[in-house]
Amino acid sequence: MVTWNEPRPDIVLRDVILTIFSFIGVALLFTLVAGLSFGGLRVFVKARYPDRVFDRADQMEIIQLKLTQGVIRKELHE
């Protein structure tokens, strides 16, 4: 049965705001736990296996912006 004038459910603004902030709290807690576990795993691996997994000097490339250097004009020649 379909009705055109179905009564609106009573939604209190306080409950909506409480639900929103509860979701924000759960999401914040999840991101905090995920970040701490990733950081802890990284510290553990770096302490247990130095120069094997992270920060391998022989395979590391550093990209530098060289902002103090002047502008260099390069042209493509065919």
PDB file of N, CA and C in Angstrom:
ATOM      1  N   MET A   1       0.849  -1.170   0.000  1.00  0.00           N
ATOM      2  CA  MET A   1       0.000   0.000   0.000  1.00  0.00           C
ATOM      3  C   MET A   1       0.900   1.241   0.000  1.00  0.00           C
ATOM      4  N   VAL A   2       0.592   2.165  -0.858  1.00  0.00           N
ATOM      5  CA  VAL A   2       1.365   3.404  -0.972  1.00  0.00           C
ATOM      6  C   VAL A   2       0.504   4.545  -0.488  1.00  0.00           C
ATOM      7  N   THR A   3       1.078   5.372   0.371  1.00  0.00           N
ATOM      8  CA  THR A   3       0.346   6.551   0.851  1.00  0.00           C
ATOM      9  C   THR A   3       1.114   7.795   0.461  1.00  0.00           C
ATOM     10  N   TRP A   4       0.382   8.833   0.093  1.00  0.00           N
ATOM     11  CA  TRP A   4       1.013  10.083  -0.303  1.00  0.00           C
ATOM     12  C   TRP A   4       1.376  10.936   0.892  1.00  0.00           C
ATOM     13  N   ASN A   5       0.643  10.834   1.919  1.00  0.00           N
ATOM     14  CA  ASN A   5       0.880  11.688   3.080  1.00  0.00           C
ATOM     15  C   ASN A   5       1.340  10.854   4.277  1.00  0.00           C
ATOM     16  N   GLU A   6       2.414  10.138   4.095  1.00  0.00           N
ATOM     17  CA  GLU A   6       2.955   9.316   5.173  1.00  0.00           C
ATOM     18  C   GLU A   6       3.544  10.240   6.235  1.00  0.00           C
ATOM     19  N   PRO A   7       3.312   9.930   7.492  1.00  0.00           N
ATOM     20  CA  PRO A   7       3.818  10.825   8.543  1.00  0.00           C
ATOM     21  C   PRO A   7       5.354  10.806   8.588  1.00  0.00           C
ATOM     22  N   ARG A   8       5.912  11.969   8.838  1.00  0.00           N
ATOM     23  CA  ARG A   8       7.359  12.113   8.903  1.00  0.00           C
ATOM     24  C   ARG A   8       7.874  11.514  10.206  1.00  0.00           C
ATOM     25  N   PRO A   9       8.973  10.771  10.145  1.00  0.00           N
ATOM     26  CA  PRO A   9       9.507  10.234  11.398  1.00  0.00           C
ATOM     27  C   PRO A   9      10.054  11.372  12.259  1.00  0.00           C
ATOM     28  N   ASP A  10       9.890  11.237  13.537  1.00  0.00           N
ATOM     29  CA  ASP A  10      10.359  12.277  14.454  1.00  0.00           C
ATOM     30  C   ASP A  10      11.867  12.141  14.647  1.00  0.00           C
ATOM     31  N   ILE A  11      12.607  13.019  13.980  1.00  0.00           N
ATOM     32  CA  ILE A  11      14.058  13.033  14.098  1.00  0.00           C
ATOM     33  C   ILE A  11      14.444  14.286  14.871  1.00  0.00           C
ATOM     34  N   VAL A  12      15.148  14.065  15.951  1.00  0.00           N
ATOM     35  CA  VAL A  12      15.567  15.177  16.790  1.00  0.00           C
ATOM     36  C   VAL A  12      16.952  15.615  16.329  1.00  0.00           C
ATOM     37  N   LEU A  13      17.176  16.910  16.242  1.00  0.00           N
ATOM     38  CA  LEU A  13      18.450  17.446  15.788  1.00  0.00           C
ATOM     39  C   LEU A  13      19.594  17.002  16.700  1.00  0.00           C
ATOM     40  N   ARG A  14      19.311  16.871  17.969  1.00  0.00           N
ATOM     41  CA  ARG A  14      20.327  16.433  18.933  1.00  0.00           C
ATOM     42  C   ARG A  14      20.834  15.037  18.587  1.00  0.00           C
ATOM     43  N   ASP A  15      19.949  14.141  18.194  1.00  0.00           N
ATOM     44  CA  ASP A  15      20.345  12.780  17.834  1.00  0.00           C
ATOM     45  C   ASP A  15      21.161  12.759  16.539  1.00  0.00           C
ATOM     46  N   VAL A  16      20.817  13.622  15.593  1.00  0.00           N
ATOM     47  CA  VAL A  16      21.554  13.689  14.337  1.00  0.00           C
ATOM     48  C   VAL A  16      22.980  14.165  14.593  1.00  0.00           C
ATOM     49  N   ILE A  17      23.128  15.219  15.377  1.00  0.00           N
ATOM     50  CA  ILE A  17      24.455  15.754  15.689  1.00  0.00           C
ATOM     51  C   ILE A  17      25.260  14.738  16.486  1.00  0.00           C
ATOM     52  N   LEU A  18      24.634  14.051  17.417  1.00  0.00           N
ATOM     53  CA  LEU A  18      25.321  13.029  18.201  1.00  0.00           C
ATOM     54  C   LEU A  18      25.795  11.880  17.312  1.00  0.00           C
ATOM     55  N   THR A  19      25.000  11.489  16.351  1.00  0.00           N
ATOM     56  CA  THR A  19      25.389  10.432  15.416  1.00  0.00           C
ATOM     57  C   THR A  19      26.552  10.873  14.544  1.00  0.00           C
ATOM     58  N   ILE A  20      26.514  12.101  14.071  1.00  0.00           N
ATOM     59  CA  ILE A  20      27.602  12.623  13.231  1.00  0.00           C
ATOM     60  C   ILE A  20      28.910  12.647  14.001  1.00  0.00           C
ATOM     61  N   PHE A  21      28.898  13.182  15.216  1.00  0.00           N
ATOM     62  CA  PHE A  21      30.122  13.255  16.000  1.00  0.00           C
ATOM     63  C   PHE A  21      30.589  11.875  16.468  1.00  0.00           C
ATOM     64  N   SER A  22      29.686  10.960  16.654  1.00  0.00           N
ATOM     65  CA  SER A  22      30.089   9.589  16.977  1.00  0.00           C
ATOM     66  C   SER A  22      30.828   8.961  15.803  1.00  0.00           C
ATOM     67  N   PHE A  23      30.326   9.171  14.594  1.00  0.00           N
ATOM     68  CA  PHE A  23      31.009   8.655  13.416  1.00  0.00           C
ATOM     69  C   PHE A  23      32.383   9.303  13.246  1.00  0.00           C
ATOM     70  N   ILE A  24      32.470  10.607  13.486  1.00  0.00           N
ATOM     71  CA  ILE A  24      33.758  11.299  13.405  1.00  0.00           C
ATOM     72  C   ILE A  24      34.731  10.725  14.426  1.00  0.00           C
ATOM     73  N   GLY A  25      34.257  10.442  15.625  1.00  0.00           N
ATOM     74  CA  GLY A  25      35.111   9.859  16.651  1.00  0.00           C
ATOM     75  C   GLY A  25      35.613   8.476  16.270  1.00  0.00           C
ATOM     76  N   VAL A  26      34.747   7.651  15.712  1.00  0.00           N
ATOM     77  CA  VAL A  26      35.155   6.309  15.288  1.00  0.00           C
ATOM     78  C   VAL A  26      36.161   6.400  14.150  1.00  0.00           C
ATOM     79  N   ALA A  27      35.919   7.286  13.190  1.00  0.00           N
ATOM     80  CA  ALA A  27      36.850   7.453  12.073  1.00  0.00           C
ATOM     81  C   ALA A  27      38.196   7.979  12.563  1.00  0.00           C
ATOM     82  N   LEU A  28      38.188   8.921  13.491  1.00  0.00           N
ATOM     83  CA  LEU A  28      39.426   9.459  14.043  1.00  0.00           C
ATOM     84  C   LEU A  28      40.186   8.390  14.814  1.00  0.00           C
ATOM     85  N   LEU A  29      39.489   7.585  15.566  1.00  0.00           N
ATOM     86  CA  LEU A  29      40.127   6.497  16.304  1.00  0.00           C
ATOM     87  C   LEU A  29      40.738   5.477  15.349  1.00  0.00           C
ATOM     88  N   PHE A  30      40.038   5.144  14.288  1.00  0.00           N
ATOM     89  CA  PHE A  30      40.563   4.207  13.301  1.00  0.00           C
ATOM     90  C   PHE A  30      41.824   4.743  12.641  1.00  0.00           C
ATOM     91  N   THR A  31      41.818   6.019  12.238  1.00  0.00           N
ATOM     92  CA  THR A  31      42.996   6.585  11.584  1.00  0.00           C
ATOM     93  C   THR A  31      44.164   6.695  12.553  1.00  0.00           C
ATOM     94  N   LEU A  32      43.897   6.982  13.807  1.00  0.00           N
ATOM     95  CA  LEU A  32      44.956   7.049  14.816  1.00  0.00           C
ATOM     96  C   LEU A  32      45.591   5.677  15.027  1.00  0.00           C
ATOM     97  N   VAL A  33      44.775   4.652  15.155  1.00  0.00           N
ATOM     98  CA  VAL A  33      45.294   3.292  15.336  1.00  0.00           C
ATOM     99  C   VAL A  33      46.067   2.840  14.103  1.00  0.00           C
ATOM    100  N   ALA A  34      45.549   3.125  12.910  1.00  0.00           N
ATOM    101  CA  ALA A  34      46.242   2.732  11.682  1.00  0.00           C
ATOM    102  C   ALA A  34      47.570   3.464  11.543  1.00  0.00           C
ATOM    103  N   GLY A  35      47.605   4.740  11.858  1.00  0.00           N
ATOM    104  CA  GLY A  35      48.841   5.508  11.766  1.00  0.00           C
ATOM    105  C   GLY A  35      49.881   5.053  12.771  1.00  0.00           C
ATOM    106  N   LEU A  36      49.455   4.812  14.002  1.00  0.00           N
ATOM    107  CA  LEU A  36      50.398   4.350  15.018  1.00  0.00           C
ATOM    108  C   LEU A  36      50.919   2.953  14.714  1.00  0.00           C
ATOM    109  N   SER A  37      50.061   2.091  14.192  1.00  0.00           N
ATOM    110  CA  SER A  37      50.533   0.747  13.869  1.00  0.00           C
ATOM    111  C   SER A  37      51.491   0.776  12.679  1.00  0.00           C
ATOM    112  N   PHE A  38      51.225   1.603  11.674  1.00  0.00           N
ATOM    113  CA  PHE A  38      52.145   1.721  10.547  1.00  0.00           C
ATOM    114  C   PHE A  38      53.478   2.303  10.997  1.00  0.00           C
ATOM    115  N   GLY A  39      53.429   3.347  11.819  1.00  0.00           N
ATOM    116  CA  GLY A  39      54.663   3.942  12.330  1.00  0.00           C
ATOM    117  C   GLY A  39      55.433   2.980  13.217  1.00  0.00           C
ATOM    118  N   GLY A  40      54.725   2.246  14.065  1.00  0.00           N
ATOM    119  CA  GLY A  40      55.381   1.265  14.919  1.00  0.00           C
ATOM    120  C   GLY A  40      56.015   0.153  14.127  1.00  0.00           C
ATOM    121  N   LEU A  41      55.338  -0.307  13.081  1.00  0.00           N
ATOM    122  CA  LEU A  41      55.907  -1.336  12.215  1.00  0.00           C
ATOM    123  C   LEU A  41      57.152  -0.822  11.513  1.00  0.00           C
ATOM    124  N   ARG A  42      57.110   0.418  11.065  1.00  0.00           N
ATOM    125  CA  ARG A  42      58.269   1.009  10.385  1.00  0.00           C
ATOM    126  C   ARG A  42      59.453   1.139  11.340  1.00  0.00           C
ATOM    127  N   VAL A  43      59.227   1.591  12.571  1.00  0.00           N
ATOM    128  CA  VAL A  43      60.304   1.714  13.554  1.00  0.00           C
ATOM    129  C   VAL A  43      60.859   0.333  13.901  1.00  0.00           C
ATOM    130  N   PHE A  44      59.980  -0.653  14.054  1.00  0.00           N
ATOM    131  CA  PHE A  44      60.425  -2.010  14.373  1.00  0.00           C
ATOM    132  C   PHE A  44      61.299  -2.580  13.258  1.00  0.00           C
ATOM    133  N   VAL A  45      60.857  -2.418  12.015  1.00  0.00           N
ATOM    134  CA  VAL A  45      61.620  -2.963  10.889  1.00  0.00           C
ATOM    135  C   VAL A  45      62.957  -2.235  10.744  1.00  0.00           C
ATOM    136  N   LYS A  46      62.959  -0.912  10.948  1.00  0.00           N
ATOM    137  CA  LYS A  46      64.215  -0.170  10.848  1.00  0.00           C
ATOM    138  C   LYS A  46      65.181  -0.566  11.958  1.00  0.00           C
ATOM    139  N   ALA A  47      64.680  -0.894  13.145  1.00  0.00           N
ATOM    140  CA  ALA A  47      65.551  -1.303  14.249  1.00  0.00           C
ATOM    141  C   ALA A  47      66.024  -2.742  14.063  1.00  0.00           C
ATOM    142  N   ARG A  48      65.182  -3.591  13.546  1.00  0.00           N
ATOM    143  CA  ARG A  48      65.519  -5.005  13.400  1.00  0.00           C
ATOM    144  C   ARG A  48      66.385  -5.272  12.171  1.00  0.00           C
ATOM    145  N   TYR A  49      66.067  -4.600  11.061  1.00  0.00           N
ATOM    146  CA  TYR A  49      66.789  -4.802   9.804  1.00  0.00           C
ATOM    147  C   TYR A  49      67.293  -3.455   9.279  1.00  0.00           C
ATOM    148  N   PRO A  50      68.359  -2.905   9.853  1.00  0.00           N
ATOM    149  CA  PRO A  50      68.829  -1.587   9.384  1.00  0.00           C
ATOM    150  C   PRO A  50      69.417  -1.670   7.977  1.00  0.00           C
ATOM    151  N   ASP A  51      69.139  -0.664   7.186  1.00  0.00           N
ATOM    152  CA  ASP A  51      69.624  -0.520   5.805  1.00  0.00           C
ATOM    153  C   ASP A  51      69.229  -1.681   4.893  1.00  0.00           C
ATOM    154  N   ARG A  52      68.166  -2.397   5.203  1.00  0.00           N
ATOM    155  CA  ARG A  52      67.699  -3.468   4.320  1.00  0.00           C
ATOM    156  C   ARG A  52      66.348  -3.142   3.684  1.00  0.00           C
ATOM    157  N   VAL A  53      65.452  -2.583   4.456  1.00  0.00           N
ATOM    158  CA  VAL A  53      64.101  -2.331   3.943  1.00  0.00           C
ATOM    159  C   VAL A  53      63.910  -0.853   3.640  1.00  0.00           C
ATOM    160  N   PHE A  54      64.143  -0.010   4.639  1.00  0.00           N
ATOM    161  CA  PHE A  54      63.984   1.430   4.477  1.00  0.00           C
ATOM    162  C   PHE A  54      65.357   2.092   4.457  1.00  0.00           C
ATOM    163  N   ASP A  55      65.447   3.232   3.817  1.00  0.00           N
ATOM    164  CA  ASP A  55      66.651   4.071   3.817  1.00  0.00           C
ATOM    165  C   ASP A  55      67.879   3.342   3.292  1.00  0.00           C
ATOM    166  N   ARG A  56      67.751   2.669   2.179  1.00  0.00           N
ATOM    167  CA  ARG A  56      68.904   2.026   1.545  1.00  0.00           C
ATOM    168  C   ARG A  56      69.669   3.097   0.781  1.00  0.00           C
ATOM    169  N   ALA A  57      70.854   3.403   1.251  1.00  0.00           N
ATOM    170  CA  ALA A  57      71.627   4.507   0.674  1.00  0.00           C
ATOM    171  C   ALA A  57      72.034   4.230  -0.762  1.00  0.00           C
ATOM    172  N   ASP A  58      72.279   2.984  -1.122  1.00  0.00           N
ATOM    173  CA  ASP A  58      72.725   2.686  -2.482  1.00  0.00           C
ATOM    174  C   ASP A  58      71.600   2.810  -3.513  1.00  0.00           C
ATOM    175  N   GLN A  59      70.341   2.714  -3.097  1.00  0.00           N
ATOM    176  CA  GLN A  59      69.218   2.806  -4.025  1.00  0.00           C
ATOM    177  C   GLN A  59      68.391   4.076  -3.837  1.00  0.00           C
ATOM    178  N   MET A  60      68.877   4.988  -3.027  1.00  0.00           N
ATOM    179  CA  MET A  60      68.100   6.176  -2.701  1.00  0.00           C
ATOM    180  C   MET A  60      68.350   7.279  -3.730  1.00  0.00           C
ATOM    181  N   GLU A  61      67.314   7.892  -4.191  1.00  0.00           N
ATOM    182  CA  GLU A  61      67.404   9.044  -5.075  1.00  0.00           C
ATOM    183  C   GLU A  61      66.745  10.217  -4.376  1.00  0.00           C
ATOM    184  N   ILE A  62      67.392  11.352  -4.437  1.00  0.00           N
ATOM    185  CA  ILE A  62      66.858  12.545  -3.804  1.00  0.00           C
ATOM    186  C   ILE A  62      66.516  13.546  -4.895  1.00  0.00           C
ATOM    187  N   ILE A  63      65.300  14.002  -4.893  1.00  0.00           N
ATOM    188  CA  ILE A  63      64.869  15.016  -5.842  1.00  0.00           C
ATOM    189  C   ILE A  63      65.039  16.369  -5.172  1.00  0.00           C
ATOM    190  N   GLN A  64      65.806  17.245  -5.812  1.00  0.00           N
ATOM    191  CA  GLN A  64      66.061  18.563  -5.245  1.00  0.00           C
ATOM    192  C   GLN A  64      65.454  19.624  -6.149  1.00  0.00           C
ATOM    193  N   LEU A  65      64.902  20.654  -5.531  1.00  0.00           N
ATOM    194  CA  LEU A  65      64.295  21.734  -6.298  1.00  0.00           C
ATOM    195  C   LEU A  65      65.323  22.751  -6.770  1.00  0.00           C
ATOM    196  N   LYS A  66      66.422  22.930  -6.044  1.00  0.00           N
ATOM    197  CA  LYS A  66      67.490  23.886  -6.365  1.00  0.00           C
ATOM    198  C   LYS A  66      66.908  25.278  -6.577  1.00  0.00           C
ATOM    199  N   LEU A  67      66.235  25.792  -5.577  1.00  0.00           N
ATOM    200  CA  LEU A  67      65.581  27.088  -5.686  1.00  0.00           C
ATOM    201  C   LEU A  67      66.572  28.238  -5.696  1.00  0.00           C
ATOM    202  N   THR A  68      67.763  28.050  -5.118  1.00  0.00           N
ATOM    203  CA  THR A  68      68.746  29.134  -5.097  1.00  0.00           C
ATOM    204  C   THR A  68      69.497  29.248  -6.416  1.00  0.00           C
ATOM    205  N   GLN A  69      69.438  28.229  -7.240  1.00  0.00           N
ATOM    206  CA  GLN A  69      70.102  28.250  -8.537  1.00  0.00           C
ATOM    207  C   GLN A  69      69.280  29.069  -9.518  1.00  0.00           C
ATOM    208  N   GLY A  70      69.943  29.722 -10.436  1.00  0.00           N
ATOM    209  CA  GLY A  70      69.242  30.534 -11.422  1.00  0.00           C
ATOM    210  C   GLY A  70      68.456  29.679 -12.395  1.00  0.00           C
ATOM    211  N   VAL A  71      67.678  30.342 -13.228  1.00  0.00           N
ATOM    212  CA  VAL A  71      66.869  29.656 -14.223  1.00  0.00           C
ATOM    213  C   VAL A  71      67.765  29.201 -15.367  1.00  0.00           C
ATOM    214  N   ILE A  72      67.632  27.955 -15.759  1.00  0.00           N
ATOM    215  CA  ILE A  72      68.410  27.401 -16.859  1.00  0.00           C
ATOM    216  C   ILE A  72      67.449  27.124 -18.008  1.00  0.00           C
ATOM    217  N   ARG A  73      67.795  27.647 -19.176  1.00  0.00           N
ATOM    218  CA  ARG A  73      66.929  27.427 -20.334  1.00  0.00           C
ATOM    219  C   ARG A  73      67.451  26.242 -21.103  1.00  0.00           C
ATOM    220  N   LYS A  74      66.607  25.260 -21.297  1.00  0.00           N
ATOM    221  CA  LYS A  74      66.970  24.081 -22.061  1.00  0.00           C
ATOM    222  C   LYS A  74      66.016  23.947 -23.234  1.00  0.00           C
ATOM    223  N   GLU A  75      66.595  23.681 -24.374  1.00  0.00           N
ATOM    224  CA  GLU A  75      65.787  23.510 -25.582  1.00  0.00           C
ATOM    225  C   GLU A  75      66.000  22.117 -26.142  1.00  0.00           C
ATOM    226  N   LEU A  76      64.989  21.580 -26.736  1.00  0.00           N
ATOM    227  CA  LEU A  76      65.089  20.277 -27.375  1.00  0.00           C
ATOM    228  C   LEU A  76      65.596  20.456 -28.803  1.00  0.00           C
ATOM    229  N   HIS A  77      66.617  19.694 -29.157  1.00  0.00           N
ATOM    230  CA  HIS A  77      67.157  19.747 -30.520  1.00  0.00           C
ATOM    231  C   HIS A  77      66.881  18.411 -31.182  1.00  0.00           C
ATOM    232  N   GLU A  78      66.376  18.460 -32.382  1.00  0.00           N
ATOM    233  CA  GLU A  78      66.074  17.229 -33.104  1.00  0.00           C
ATOM    234  C   GLU A  78      67.096  16.934 -34.158  1.00  0.00           C
TER     235      GLU A  78
END
